[in-house]
Amino acid sequence: MPEPLKRATIYLDPALHRALRLKAASSNRTVSDLVNEAVRQSLREDQEDLAAFAERVAEPTMSYEALLEDLKAHGKL
């Protein structure tokens, strides 16, 4: 049996709320469906970012100063 939905209070910028209500009405969906979808997508993107960081953890890092020096040495600045 699925877990019951949780209720939350969020505060939206009035223009965003208006746009969200219009999108919900035009797509025959609820505001809650759209917000849940947006949150899921954001969390998926976070998961992808964390996976990319984990894959690159062994790569050498370069300071901003070193990057600028490298660009100048290769005639790109």
PDB file of N, CA and C in Angstrom:
ATOM      1  N   MET A   1       0.848  -1.174   0.000  1.00  0.00           N
ATOM      2  CA  MET A   1       0.000   0.000   0.000  1.00  0.00           C
ATOM      3  C   MET A   1       0.895   1.239   0.000  1.00  0.00           C
ATOM      4  N   PRO A   2       0.644   2.168  -0.920  1.00  0.00           N
ATOM      5  CA  PRO A   2       1.493   3.366  -0.976  1.00  0.00           C
ATOM      6  C   PRO A   2       1.322   4.240   0.257  1.00  0.00           C
ATOM      7  N   GLU A   3       2.400   4.929   0.570  1.00  0.00           N
ATOM      8  CA  GLU A   3       2.375   5.849   1.706  1.00  0.00           C
ATOM      9  C   GLU A   3       1.450   7.020   1.385  1.00  0.00           C
ATOM     10  N   PRO A   4       0.669   7.481   2.345  1.00  0.00           N
ATOM     11  CA  PRO A   4      -0.227   8.618   2.066  1.00  0.00           C
ATOM     12  C   PRO A   4       0.573   9.881   1.761  1.00  0.00           C
ATOM     13  N   LEU A   5      -0.012  10.746   0.948  1.00  0.00           N
ATOM     14  CA  LEU A   5       0.642  11.990   0.586  1.00  0.00           C
ATOM     15  C   LEU A   5       0.803  12.883   1.811  1.00  0.00           C
ATOM     16  N   LYS A   6       1.859  13.668   1.821  1.00  0.00           N
ATOM     17  CA  LYS A   6       2.133  14.606   2.907  1.00  0.00           C
ATOM     18  C   LYS A   6       1.731  16.005   2.464  1.00  0.00           C
ATOM     19  N   ARG A   7       1.222  16.748   3.373  1.00  0.00           N
ATOM     20  CA  ARG A   7       0.819  18.123   3.105  1.00  0.00           C
ATOM     21  C   ARG A   7       1.942  19.064   3.544  1.00  0.00           C
ATOM     22  N   ALA A   8       2.201  20.095   2.726  1.00  0.00           N
ATOM     23  CA  ALA A   8       3.238  21.071   3.047  1.00  0.00           C
ATOM     24  C   ALA A   8       2.750  22.457   2.642  1.00  0.00           C
ATOM     25  N   THR A   9       3.205  23.434   3.352  1.00  0.00           N
ATOM     26  CA  THR A   9       2.920  24.816   2.986  1.00  0.00           C
ATOM     27  C   THR A   9       4.174  25.407   2.367  1.00  0.00           C
ATOM     28  N   ILE A  10       4.032  25.936   1.168  1.00  0.00           N
ATOM     29  CA  ILE A  10       5.150  26.611   0.523  1.00  0.00           C
ATOM     30  C   ILE A  10       4.680  28.003   0.117  1.00  0.00           C
ATOM     31  N   TYR A  11       5.609  28.916   0.026  1.00  0.00           N
ATOM     32  CA  TYR A  11       5.299  30.287  -0.360  1.00  0.00           C
ATOM     33  C   TYR A  11       5.956  30.562  -1.698  1.00  0.00           C
ATOM     34  N   LEU A  12       5.141  30.910  -2.684  1.00  0.00           N
ATOM     35  CA  LEU A  12       5.624  31.162  -4.031  1.00  0.00           C
ATOM     36  C   LEU A  12       5.502  32.638  -4.376  1.00  0.00           C
ATOM     37  N   ASP A  13       6.411  33.090  -5.194  1.00  0.00           N
ATOM     38  CA  ASP A  13       6.296  34.415  -5.773  1.00  0.00           C
ATOM     39  C   ASP A  13       4.943  34.459  -6.513  1.00  0.00           C
ATOM     40  N   PRO A  14       4.198  35.537  -6.378  1.00  0.00           N
ATOM     41  CA  PRO A  14       2.874  35.593  -7.006  1.00  0.00           C
ATOM     42  C   PRO A  14       2.885  35.311  -8.517  1.00  0.00           C
ATOM     43  N   ALA A  15       3.889  35.808  -9.215  1.00  0.00           N
ATOM     44  CA  ALA A  15       3.958  35.561 -10.662  1.00  0.00           C
ATOM     45  C   ALA A  15       4.200  34.078 -10.959  1.00  0.00           C
ATOM     46  N   LEU A  16       5.044  33.436 -10.161  1.00  0.00           N
ATOM     47  CA  LEU A  16       5.272  32.002 -10.345  1.00  0.00           C
ATOM     48  C   LEU A  16       4.010  31.211 -10.038  1.00  0.00           C
ATOM     49  N   HIS A  17       3.309  31.602  -8.987  1.00  0.00           N
ATOM     50  CA  HIS A  17       2.070  30.914  -8.624  1.00  0.00           C
ATOM     51  C   HIS A  17       1.041  31.034  -9.744  1.00  0.00           C
ATOM     52  N   ARG A  18       0.916  32.218 -10.312  1.00  0.00           N
ATOM     53  CA  ARG A  18      -0.031  32.442 -11.406  1.00  0.00           C
ATOM     54  C   ARG A  18       0.350  31.574 -12.611  1.00  0.00           C
ATOM     55  N   ALA A  19       1.639  31.551 -12.958  1.00  0.00           N
ATOM     56  CA  ALA A  19       2.104  30.740 -14.086  1.00  0.00           C
ATOM     57  C   ALA A  19       1.871  29.256 -13.823  1.00  0.00           C
ATOM     58  N   LEU A  20       2.120  28.828 -12.600  1.00  0.00           N
ATOM     59  CA  LEU A  20       1.922  27.432 -12.240  1.00  0.00           C
ATOM     60  C   LEU A  20       0.452  27.035 -12.341  1.00  0.00           C
ATOM     61  N   ARG A  21      -0.433  27.909 -11.855  1.00  0.00           N
ATOM     62  CA  ARG A  21      -1.875  27.638 -11.941  1.00  0.00           C
ATOM     63  C   ARG A  21      -2.326  27.555 -13.397  1.00  0.00           C
ATOM     64  N   LEU A  22      -1.821  28.465 -14.234  1.00  0.00           N
ATOM     65  CA  LEU A  22      -2.178  28.442 -15.653  1.00  0.00           C
ATOM     66  C   LEU A  22      -1.667  27.181 -16.339  1.00  0.00           C
ATOM     67  N   LYS A  23      -0.443  26.793 -16.021  1.00  0.00           N
ATOM     68  CA  LYS A  23       0.111  25.569 -16.619  1.00  0.00           C
ATOM     69  C   LYS A  23      -0.683  24.350 -16.171  1.00  0.00           C
ATOM     70  N   ALA A  24      -1.046  24.312 -14.905  1.00  0.00           N
ATOM     71  CA  ALA A  24      -1.839  23.194 -14.390  1.00  0.00           C
ATOM     72  C   ALA A  24      -3.176  23.120 -15.117  1.00  0.00           C
ATOM     73  N   ALA A  25      -3.829  24.258 -15.272  1.00  0.00           N
ATOM     74  CA  ALA A  25      -5.130  24.272 -15.939  1.00  0.00           C
ATOM     75  C   ALA A  25      -5.014  23.871 -17.405  1.00  0.00           C
ATOM     76  N   SER A  26      -3.987  24.370 -18.086  1.00  0.00           N
ATOM     77  CA  SER A  26      -3.851  24.080 -19.515  1.00  0.00           C
ATOM     78  C   SER A  26      -3.398  22.651 -19.786  1.00  0.00           C
ATOM     79  N   SER A  27      -2.805  22.006 -18.796  1.00  0.00           N
ATOM     80  CA  SER A  27      -2.321  20.627 -18.988  1.00  0.00           C
ATOM     81  C   SER A  27      -3.197  19.599 -18.278  1.00  0.00           C
ATOM     82  N   ASN A  28      -4.321  20.071 -17.716  1.00  0.00           N
ATOM     83  CA  ASN A  28      -5.235  19.181 -16.983  1.00  0.00           C
ATOM     84  C   ASN A  28      -4.522  18.404 -15.880  1.00  0.00           C
ATOM     85  N   ARG A  29      -3.648  19.089 -15.174  1.00  0.00           N
ATOM     86  CA  ARG A  29      -2.919  18.500 -14.054  1.00  0.00           C
ATOM     87  C   ARG A  29      -3.135  19.390 -12.844  1.00  0.00           C
ATOM     88  N   THR A  30      -2.728  18.901 -11.698  1.00  0.00           N
ATOM     89  CA  THR A  30      -2.842  19.719 -10.493  1.00  0.00           C
ATOM     90  C   THR A  30      -1.532  20.462 -10.252  1.00  0.00           C
ATOM     91  N   VAL A  31      -1.633  21.522  -9.485  1.00  0.00           N
ATOM     92  CA  VAL A  31      -0.432  22.252  -9.074  1.00  0.00           C
ATOM     93  C   VAL A  31       0.485  21.303  -8.314  1.00  0.00           C
ATOM     94  N   SER A  32      -0.084  20.469  -7.466  1.00  0.00           N
ATOM     95  CA  SER A  32       0.722  19.501  -6.708  1.00  0.00           C
ATOM     96  C   SER A  32       1.480  18.558  -7.635  1.00  0.00           C
ATOM     97  N   ASP A  33       0.839  18.076  -8.697  1.00  0.00           N
ATOM     98  CA  ASP A  33       1.527  17.202  -9.660  1.00  0.00           C
ATOM     99  C   ASP A  33       2.724  17.916 -10.276  1.00  0.00           C
ATOM    100  N   LEU A  34       2.506  19.168 -10.677  1.00  0.00           N
ATOM    101  CA  LEU A  34       3.588  19.915 -11.308  1.00  0.00           C
ATOM    102  C   LEU A  34       4.738  20.175 -10.339  1.00  0.00           C
ATOM    103  N   VAL A  35       4.416  20.523  -9.100  1.00  0.00           N
ATOM    104  CA  VAL A  35       5.461  20.775  -8.099  1.00  0.00           C
ATOM    105  C   VAL A  35       6.220  19.486  -7.796  1.00  0.00           C
ATOM    106  N   ASN A  36       5.500  18.374  -7.627  1.00  0.00           N
ATOM    107  CA  ASN A  36       6.163  17.092  -7.384  1.00  0.00           C
ATOM    108  C   ASN A  36       7.086  16.725  -8.537  1.00  0.00           C
ATOM    109  N   GLU A  37       6.633  16.930  -9.770  1.00  0.00           N
ATOM    110  CA  GLU A  37       7.460  16.625 -10.932  1.00  0.00           C
ATOM    111  C   GLU A  37       8.718  17.492 -10.947  1.00  0.00           C
ATOM    112  N   ALA A  38       8.565  18.780 -10.651  1.00  0.00           N
ATOM    113  CA  ALA A  38       9.718  19.687 -10.650  1.00  0.00           C
ATOM    114  C   ALA A  38      10.723  19.312  -9.565  1.00  0.00           C
ATOM    115  N   VAL A  39      10.245  18.939  -8.391  1.00  0.00           N
ATOM    116  CA  VAL A  39      11.134  18.547  -7.298  1.00  0.00           C
ATOM    117  C   VAL A  39      11.854  17.251  -7.659  1.00  0.00           C
ATOM    118  N   ARG A  40      11.116  16.285  -8.215  1.00  0.00           N
ATOM    119  CA  ARG A  40      11.759  15.026  -8.634  1.00  0.00           C
ATOM    120  C   ARG A  40      12.865  15.291  -9.658  1.00  0.00           C
ATOM    121  N   GLN A  41      12.566  16.147 -10.647  1.00  0.00           N
ATOM    122  CA  GLN A  41      13.556  16.466 -11.670  1.00  0.00           C
ATOM    123  C   GLN A  41      14.788  17.128 -11.061  1.00  0.00           C
ATOM    124  N   SER A  42      14.581  18.030 -10.137  1.00  0.00           N
ATOM    125  CA  SER A  42      15.702  18.700  -9.479  1.00  0.00           C
ATOM    126  C   SER A  42      16.555  17.700  -8.702  1.00  0.00           C
ATOM    127  N   LEU A  43      15.908  16.767  -8.012  1.00  0.00           N
ATOM    128  CA  LEU A  43      16.651  15.754  -7.260  1.00  0.00           C
ATOM    129  C   LEU A  43      17.402  14.807  -8.190  1.00  0.00           C
ATOM    130  N   ARG A  44      16.799  14.469  -9.351  1.00  0.00           N
ATOM    131  CA  ARG A  44      17.504  13.628 -10.334  1.00  0.00           C
ATOM    132  C   ARG A  44      18.753  14.350 -10.838  1.00  0.00           C
ATOM    133  N   GLU A  45      18.626  15.660 -11.103  1.00  0.00           N
ATOM    134  CA  GLU A  45      19.782  16.430 -11.563  1.00  0.00           C
ATOM    135  C   GLU A  45      20.868  16.473 -10.493  1.00  0.00           C
ATOM    136  N   ASP A  46      20.466  16.621  -9.234  1.00  0.00           N
ATOM    137  CA  ASP A  46      21.447  16.579  -8.140  1.00  0.00           C
ATOM    138  C   ASP A  46      22.164  15.239  -8.115  1.00  0.00           C
ATOM    139  N   GLN A  47      21.399  14.160  -8.293  1.00  0.00           N
ATOM    140  CA  GLN A  47      21.989  12.820  -8.285  1.00  0.00           C
ATOM    141  C   GLN A  47      22.984  12.667  -9.435  1.00  0.00           C
ATOM    142  N   GLU A  48      22.638  13.176 -10.609  1.00  0.00           N
ATOM    143  CA  GLU A  48      23.551  13.111 -11.751  1.00  0.00           C
ATOM    144  C   GLU A  48      24.816  13.927 -11.484  1.00  0.00           C
ATOM    145  N   ASP A  49      24.653  15.107 -10.885  1.00  0.00           N
ATOM    146  CA  ASP A  49      25.821  15.940 -10.563  1.00  0.00           C
ATOM    147  C   ASP A  49      26.742  15.234  -9.578  1.00  0.00           C
ATOM    148  N   LEU A  50      26.158  14.628  -8.546  1.00  0.00           N
ATOM    149  CA  LEU A  50      26.973  13.925  -7.552  1.00  0.00           C
ATOM    150  C   LEU A  50      27.701  12.746  -8.177  1.00  0.00           C
ATOM    151  N   ALA A  51      27.040  12.048  -9.101  1.00  0.00           N
ATOM    152  CA  ALA A  51      27.690  10.925  -9.791  1.00  0.00           C
ATOM    153  C   ALA A  51      28.856  11.433 -10.639  1.00  0.00           C
ATOM    154  N   ALA A  52      28.671  12.570 -11.304  1.00  0.00           N
ATOM    155  CA  ALA A  52      29.747  13.138 -12.117  1.00  0.00           C
ATOM    156  C   ALA A  52      30.922  13.562 -11.245  1.00  0.00           C
ATOM    157  N   PHE A  53      30.625  14.151 -10.093  1.00  0.00           N
ATOM    158  CA  PHE A  53      31.707  14.529  -9.168  1.00  0.00           C
ATOM    159  C   PHE A  53      32.460  13.290  -8.703  1.00  0.00           C
ATOM    160  N   ALA A  54      31.729  12.229  -8.391  1.00  0.00           N
ATOM    161  CA  ALA A  54      32.361  10.995  -7.917  1.00  0.00           C
ATOM    162  C   ALA A  54      33.260  10.401  -8.994  1.00  0.00           C
ATOM    163  N   GLU A  55      32.823  10.462 -10.256  1.00  0.00           N
ATOM    164  CA  GLU A  55      33.627   9.929 -11.356  1.00  0.00           C
ATOM    165  C   GLU A  55      34.915  10.724 -11.559  1.00  0.00           C
ATOM    166  N   ARG A  56      34.889  12.004 -11.217  1.00  0.00           N
ATOM    167  CA  ARG A  56      36.033  12.865 -11.487  1.00  0.00           C
ATOM    168  C   ARG A  56      36.880  13.151 -10.257  1.00  0.00           C
ATOM    169  N   VAL A  57      36.595  12.456  -9.162  1.00  0.00           N
ATOM    170  CA  VAL A  57      37.275  12.758  -7.902  1.00  0.00           C
ATOM    171  C   VAL A  57      38.791  12.575  -8.000  1.00  0.00           C
ATOM    172  N   ALA A  58      39.269  11.673  -8.851  1.00  0.00           N
ATOM    173  CA  ALA A  58      40.704  11.408  -8.957  1.00  0.00           C
ATOM    174  C   ALA A  58      41.408  12.357  -9.929  1.00  0.00           C
ATOM    175  N   GLU A  59      40.641  13.184 -10.641  1.00  0.00           N
ATOM    176  CA  GLU A  59      41.263  14.110 -11.581  1.00  0.00           C
ATOM    177  C   GLU A  59      42.021  15.201 -10.826  1.00  0.00           C
ATOM    178  N   PRO A  60      43.132  15.648 -11.402  1.00  0.00           N
ATOM    179  CA  PRO A  60      43.866  16.735 -10.744  1.00  0.00           C
ATOM    180  C   PRO A  60      43.053  18.023 -10.779  1.00  0.00           C
ATOM    181  N   THR A  61      43.246  18.846  -9.787  1.00  0.00           N
ATOM    182  CA  THR A  61      42.555  20.129  -9.750  1.00  0.00           C
ATOM    183  C   THR A  61      43.524  21.237 -10.140  1.00  0.00           C
ATOM    184  N   MET A  62      42.972  22.348 -10.579  1.00  0.00           N
ATOM    185  CA  MET A  62      43.789  23.485 -10.972  1.00  0.00           C
ATOM    186  C   MET A  62      43.183  24.726 -10.329  1.00  0.00           C
ATOM    187  N   SER A  63      44.014  25.518  -9.732  1.00  0.00           N
ATOM    188  CA  SER A  63      43.517  26.751  -9.124  1.00  0.00           C
ATOM    189  C   SER A  63      43.140  27.739 -10.227  1.00  0.00           C
ATOM    190  N   TYR A  64      42.360  28.714  -9.860  1.00  0.00           N
ATOM    191  CA  TYR A  64      41.964  29.755 -10.812  1.00  0.00           C
ATOM    192  C   TYR A  64      43.198  30.487 -11.336  1.00  0.00           C
ATOM    193  N   GLU A  65      44.128  30.775 -10.444  1.00  0.00           N
ATOM    194  CA  GLU A  65      45.351  31.466 -10.845  1.00  0.00           C
ATOM    195  C   GLU A  65      46.137  30.639 -11.856  1.00  0.00           C
ATOM    196  N   ALA A  66      46.251  29.322 -11.590  1.00  0.00           N
ATOM    197  CA  ALA A  66      46.975  28.445 -12.507  1.00  0.00           C
ATOM    198  C   ALA A  66      46.264  28.365 -13.854  1.00  0.00           C
ATOM    199  N   LEU A  67      44.953  28.363 -13.837  1.00  0.00           N
ATOM    200  CA  LEU A  67      44.191  28.349 -15.078  1.00  0.00           C
ATOM    201  C   LEU A  67      44.480  29.601 -15.899  1.00  0.00           C
ATOM    202  N   LEU A  68      44.476  30.763 -15.244  1.00  0.00           N
ATOM    203  CA  LEU A  68      44.770  32.006 -15.953  1.00  0.00           C
ATOM    204  C   LEU A  68      46.181  31.984 -16.540  1.00  0.00           C
ATOM    205  N   GLU A  69      47.140  31.468 -15.770  1.00  0.00           N
ATOM    206  CA  GLU A  69      48.522  31.372 -16.259  1.00  0.00           C
ATOM    207  C   GLU A  69      48.601  30.450 -17.471  1.00  0.00           C
ATOM    208  N   ASP A  70      47.875  29.327 -17.405  1.00  0.00           N
ATOM    209  CA  ASP A  70      47.862  28.370 -18.503  1.00  0.00           C
ATOM    210  C   ASP A  70      47.250  28.996 -19.757  1.00  0.00           C
ATOM    211  N   LEU A  71      46.142  29.722 -19.594  1.00  0.00           N
ATOM    212  CA  LEU A  71      45.520  30.383 -20.737  1.00  0.00           C
ATOM    213  C   LEU A  71      46.455  31.406 -21.357  1.00  0.00           C
ATOM    214  N   LYS A  72      47.140  32.175 -20.513  1.00  0.00           N
ATOM    215  CA  LYS A  72      48.079  33.183 -21.020  1.00  0.00           C
ATOM    216  C   LYS A  72      49.253  32.516 -21.728  1.00  0.00           C
ATOM    217  N   ALA A  73      49.779  31.423 -21.166  1.00  0.00           N
ATOM    218  CA  ALA A  73      50.918  30.722 -21.772  1.00  0.00           C
ATOM    219  C   ALA A  73      50.556  30.146 -23.143  1.00  0.00           C
ATOM    220  N   HIS A  74      49.287  29.824 -23.357  1.00  0.00           N
ATOM    221  CA  HIS A  74      48.858  29.241 -24.629  1.00  0.00           C
ATOM    222  C   HIS A  74      48.219  30.292 -25.548  1.00  0.00           C
ATOM    223  N   GLY A  75      48.419  31.581 -25.208  1.00  0.00           N
ATOM    224  CA  GLY A  75      47.951  32.664 -26.072  1.00  0.00           C
ATOM    225  C   GLY A  75      46.459  32.834 -26.128  1.00  0.00           C
ATOM    226  N   LYS A  76      45.750  32.382 -25.130  1.00  0.00           N
ATOM    227  CA  LYS A  76      44.288  32.504 -25.141  1.00  0.00           C
ATOM    228  C   LYS A  76      43.795  33.684 -24.336  1.00  0.00           C
ATOM    229  N   LEU A  77      44.710  34.400 -23.684  1.00  0.00           N
ATOM    230  CA  LEU A  77      44.376  35.620 -22.957  1.00  0.00           C
ATOM    231  C   LEU A  77      45.170  36.785 -23.497  1.00  0.00           C
TER     232      LEU A  77
END
